[in-house]
Amino acid sequence: TEYEPDAKVSTPIAGYSGPAKQIFICETEPMNQFCGKSGYGPGTGQYWDQAWTKGTLCSGSVSPTASPSWDAAMMIDGCPGAR
């Protein structure tokens, strides 16, 4: 999978069985080219922190909108595309 710079994904939180997920943000160019590579999985790969930034927590899912907005300072009710 290829990711654009600043692409956001959500993943389950290790050791937590509730609905909240962790958001990760793909780095800017040129590091975004590693976001979809083996060993660089968000929060799990050996080198994940070189390609991803840990964001906030979220739960649920985000409905598509014509003009999405994002406030990374708050936990939101919906998660970006799950990984």
Protein backbone atom coordinates (compact mmCIF):
# COMPACT_ATOMS: atom_id res chain seq x y z
CA THR A 1 0.00 0.00 0.00
CA GLU A 2 1.26 3.47 -0.85
CA TYR A 3 0.48 6.35 1.49
CA GLU A 4 0.40 10.05 0.76
CA PRO A 5 2.27 12.36 3.15
CA ASP A 6 0.15 13.01 6.28
CA ALA A 7 -2.17 10.04 5.53
CA LYS A 8 -3.89 8.82 8.71
CA VAL A 9 -4.69 5.24 9.69
CA SER A 10 -6.08 3.73 12.86
CA THR A 11 -4.99 0.46 14.47
CA PRO A 12 -6.18 -1.54 17.47
CA ILE A 13 -4.37 -0.69 20.70
CA ALA A 14 -2.15 -3.55 21.89
CA GLY A 15 -3.50 -5.14 25.06
CA TYR A 16 -6.78 -3.18 24.93
CA SER A 17 -10.05 -4.81 23.93
CA GLY A 18 -12.26 -1.69 23.97
CA PRO A 19 -13.45 0.29 20.97
CA ALA A 20 -10.69 2.93 21.03
CA LYS A 21 -7.97 2.80 18.38
CA GLN A 22 -4.62 4.53 17.95
CA ILE A 23 -4.19 6.95 15.05
CA PHE A 24 -0.89 7.04 13.16
CA ILE A 25 0.11 9.72 10.64
CA CYS A 26 2.41 8.94 7.72
CA GLU A 27 5.48 11.20 7.62
CA THR A 28 6.04 13.86 4.97
CA GLU A 29 8.16 13.31 1.87
CA PRO A 30 10.49 11.58 1.37
CA MET A 31 9.82 9.29 4.39
CA ASN A 32 6.20 8.64 3.33
CA GLN A 33 7.55 6.17 0.76
CA PHE A 34 8.24 3.75 3.64
CA CYS A 35 4.79 3.87 5.27
CA GLY A 36 3.52 0.83 3.34
CA LYS A 37 6.73 -1.20 3.40
CA SER A 38 7.52 -4.30 5.45
CA GLY A 39 9.10 -3.41 8.80
CA TYR A 40 7.46 0.04 8.84
CA GLY A 41 3.90 -0.89 9.92
CA PRO A 42 2.30 1.83 12.06
CA GLY A 43 3.19 1.10 15.68
CA THR A 44 4.31 -2.46 14.97
CA GLY A 45 7.19 -2.65 12.50
CA GLN A 46 10.81 -2.54 13.56
CA TYR A 47 11.24 0.90 11.97
CA TRP A 48 7.67 2.25 12.30
CA ASP A 49 8.73 5.43 14.10
CA GLN A 50 10.81 6.50 11.09
CA ALA A 51 7.76 6.48 8.82
CA TRP A 52 4.84 7.23 11.19
CA THR A 53 3.97 9.66 13.97
CA LYS A 54 1.71 8.48 16.78
CA GLY A 55 -1.45 10.59 16.84
CA THR A 56 -4.44 10.67 19.16
CA LEU A 57 -7.03 8.02 20.02
CA CYS A 58 -10.35 7.51 18.27
CA SER A 59 -13.36 5.21 18.27
CA GLY A 60 -15.99 4.24 15.70
CA SER A 61 -15.61 5.22 12.07
CA VAL A 62 -15.65 8.41 10.07
CA SER A 63 -18.44 8.93 7.55
CA PRO A 64 -17.34 10.27 4.17
CA THR A 65 -17.83 14.01 3.78
CA ALA A 66 -17.42 16.42 0.89
CA SER A 67 -15.00 18.54 2.91
CA PRO A 68 -13.44 16.57 5.78
CA SER A 69 -11.82 18.35 8.68
CA TRP A 70 -9.50 17.03 11.36
CA ASP A 71 -8.63 18.17 14.86
CA ALA A 72 -5.66 16.08 15.98
CA ALA A 73 -5.74 17.62 19.47
CA MET A 74 -8.94 15.82 20.40
CA MET A 75 -10.15 12.23 20.57
CA ILE A 76 -12.85 12.05 17.94
CA ASP A 77 -15.87 9.80 17.53
CA GLY A 78 -14.61 8.27 14.31
CA CYS A 79 -11.39 6.70 13.13
CA PRO A 80 -9.67 7.19 9.79
CA GLY A 81 -9.24 4.16 7.56
CA ALA A 82 -8.41 1.16 9.68
CA ARG A 83 -5.22 -0.72 8.91
